[in-house]
């Protein structure tokens, strides 16, 4: 198990870390596995604290290369910015529920049903993606 780079960790800190790791081993635990678990928890915490807007931006960036139609690629961020972000874009993604989705779509559902359906699908795609990321932890 490494303690850190010579350029990043001072000798006194390296000794302290080594002592702490030896105590963990003496307690019958695995310091490497504990470090991995800490990283998993930090990633999950970060993912859970991401806003819907942040998740959508990451999702769009990841998917954009696969979208052949430039108009389609442009519609994703513009429709989300217009209809969704004002309602729940800044909320944590795990706080999004059916009521919020309905609230975002209510204004356009009767006037622009095709747009509303597409926006609903986009919201669903972002939430599914965020859920998968959280599950992977």
Protein backbone atom coordinates (compact mmCIF):
# COMPACT_ATOMS: atom_id res chain seq x y z
CA UNK A 1 0.00 0.00 0.00
CA UNK A 2 1.35 3.40 -0.95
CA UNK A 3 1.41 6.34 1.41
CA UNK A 4 1.75 9.06 -1.22
CA UNK A 5 4.21 10.71 -3.53
CA UNK A 6 7.43 12.16 -2.15
CA UNK A 7 6.39 15.49 -3.66
CA UNK A 8 2.93 15.44 -2.09
CA UNK A 9 3.53 13.97 1.37
CA UNK A 10 6.05 15.23 3.90
CA UNK A 11 8.08 12.73 5.86
CA UNK A 12 6.31 13.41 9.17
CA UNK A 13 2.92 12.95 7.51
CA UNK A 14 4.10 9.71 5.84
CA UNK A 15 5.16 8.37 9.23
CA UNK A 16 1.78 9.31 10.75
CA UNK A 17 -0.07 7.60 7.91
CA UNK A 18 2.07 4.47 8.23
CA UNK A 19 1.35 4.33 11.98
CA UNK A 20 -2.38 4.73 11.37
CA UNK A 21 -2.37 1.99 8.71
CA UNK A 22 -0.47 -0.37 11.02
CA UNK A 23 -3.11 0.20 13.73
CA UNK A 24 -5.86 -0.62 11.23
CA UNK A 25 -4.09 -3.86 10.28
CA UNK A 26 -3.54 -4.74 13.96
CA UNK A 27 -7.31 -4.31 14.46
CA UNK A 28 -7.82 -6.97 11.78
CA UNK A 29 -9.10 -4.56 9.15
CA UNK A 30 -7.90 -3.85 5.61
CA UNK A 31 -6.71 -0.24 5.13
CA UNK A 32 -6.90 -0.52 1.34
CA UNK A 33 -10.52 -1.67 1.43
CA UNK A 34 -11.39 1.03 3.97
CA UNK A 35 -9.87 3.63 1.63
CA UNK A 36 -11.90 2.29 -1.28
CA UNK A 37 -15.06 2.39 0.81
CA UNK A 38 -14.35 6.01 1.80
CA UNK A 39 -13.93 6.94 -1.89
CA UNK A 40 -17.18 5.15 -2.80
CA UNK A 41 -19.02 7.05 -0.07
CA UNK A 42 -17.57 10.36 -1.26
CA UNK A 43 -18.58 9.64 -4.86
CA UNK A 44 -22.09 8.68 -3.80
CA UNK A 45 -22.38 11.79 -1.64
CA UNK A 46 -21.25 13.96 -4.57
CA UNK A 47 -23.67 12.24 -6.95
CA UNK A 48 -26.55 12.64 -4.51
CA UNK A 49 -25.81 16.32 -4.09
CA UNK A 50 -25.74 17.03 -7.83
CA UNK A 51 -28.54 19.24 -9.04
CA UNK A 52 -30.82 18.20 -11.87
CA UNK A 53 -29.14 20.82 -14.08
CA UNK A 54 -25.66 19.42 -13.33
CA UNK A 55 -26.81 15.88 -14.08
CA UNK A 56 -28.48 17.01 -17.29
CA UNK A 57 -25.36 18.85 -18.45
CA UNK A 58 -23.17 15.81 -17.81
CA UNK A 59 -25.69 13.51 -19.48
CA UNK A 60 -25.99 15.75 -22.55
CA UNK A 61 -22.20 16.03 -22.88
CA UNK A 62 -21.87 12.25 -22.67
CA UNK A 63 -24.63 11.55 -25.21
CA UNK A 64 -24.04 14.40 -27.67
CA UNK A 65 -21.51 12.51 -29.80
CA UNK A 66 -24.11 9.84 -30.57
CA UNK A 67 -26.74 12.33 -31.73
CA UNK A 68 -26.41 12.61 -35.50
CA UNK A 69 -28.86 15.47 -35.93
CA UNK A 70 -27.41 18.84 -34.78
CA UNK A 71 -30.93 20.24 -34.34
CA UNK A 72 -31.78 17.40 -31.96
CA UNK A 73 -28.57 18.01 -29.99
CA UNK A 74 -29.42 21.72 -29.68
CA UNK A 75 -33.00 21.03 -28.57
CA UNK A 76 -31.94 19.07 -25.48
CA UNK A 77 -30.29 21.92 -23.57
CA UNK A 78 -32.68 24.58 -24.87
CA UNK A 79 -35.89 22.77 -23.91
CA UNK A 80 -34.54 21.82 -20.50
CA UNK A 81 -33.42 25.43 -19.90
CA UNK A 82 -36.77 26.81 -21.00
CA UNK A 83 -39.21 24.43 -19.31
CA UNK A 84 -37.41 22.43 -16.62
CA UNK A 85 -34.58 24.40 -15.01
CA UNK A 86 -36.87 27.23 -13.82
CA UNK A 87 -38.97 24.67 -11.92
CA UNK A 88 -36.38 22.25 -10.50
CA UNK A 89 -33.03 22.71 -12.20
CA UNK A 90 -31.28 23.74 -9.00
CA UNK A 91 -32.79 21.03 -6.79
CA UNK A 92 -30.80 17.91 -5.89
CA UNK A 93 -31.61 15.20 -8.39
CA UNK A 94 -32.90 12.82 -5.71
CA UNK A 95 -35.52 15.43 -4.72
CA UNK A 96 -37.22 15.32 -8.12
CA UNK A 97 -40.60 13.61 -7.97
CA UNK A 98 -43.65 13.19 -10.20
CA UNK A 99 -45.24 16.36 -8.82
CA UNK A 100 -42.29 18.49 -9.88
CA UNK A 101 -42.18 16.91 -13.33
CA UNK A 102 -45.90 17.57 -13.75
CA UNK A 103 -45.42 21.15 -12.61
CA UNK A 104 -42.72 21.70 -15.23
CA UNK A 105 -44.86 20.18 -17.98
CA UNK A 106 -48.22 21.67 -16.98
CA UNK A 107 -47.70 24.94 -18.85
CA UNK A 108 -46.99 23.26 -22.19
CA UNK A 109 -48.94 20.00 -22.01
CA UNK A 110 -52.10 21.30 -23.70
CA UNK A 111 -50.50 23.91 -25.98
CA UNK A 112 -47.50 21.88 -27.16
CA UNK A 113 -48.16 18.21 -26.40
CA UNK A 114 -45.36 16.92 -28.65
CA UNK A 115 -42.81 19.21 -26.99
CA UNK A 116 -44.13 18.26 -23.54
CA UNK A 117 -43.77 14.58 -24.38
CA UNK A 118 -40.19 15.09 -25.56
CA UNK A 119 -39.30 17.14 -22.48
CA UNK A 120 -40.82 14.43 -20.25
CA UNK A 121 -38.67 11.85 -22.02
CA UNK A 122 -35.59 13.99 -21.55
CA UNK A 123 -36.29 14.42 -17.85
CA UNK A 124 -36.76 10.67 -17.57
CA UNK A 125 -33.48 9.98 -19.38
CA UNK A 126 -31.55 12.32 -17.08
CA UNK A 127 -33.15 10.86 -13.95
CA UNK A 128 -32.49 7.28 -15.13
CA UNK A 129 -28.85 8.16 -15.83
CA UNK A 130 -28.50 9.82 -12.40
CA UNK A 131 -30.09 6.81 -10.72
CA UNK A 132 -27.66 4.43 -12.43
CA UNK A 133 -24.71 6.59 -11.35
CA UNK A 134 -25.91 6.56 -7.74
CA UNK A 135 -26.48 2.82 -7.81
CA UNK A 136 -22.94 2.27 -9.06
CA UNK A 137 -21.67 4.37 -6.14
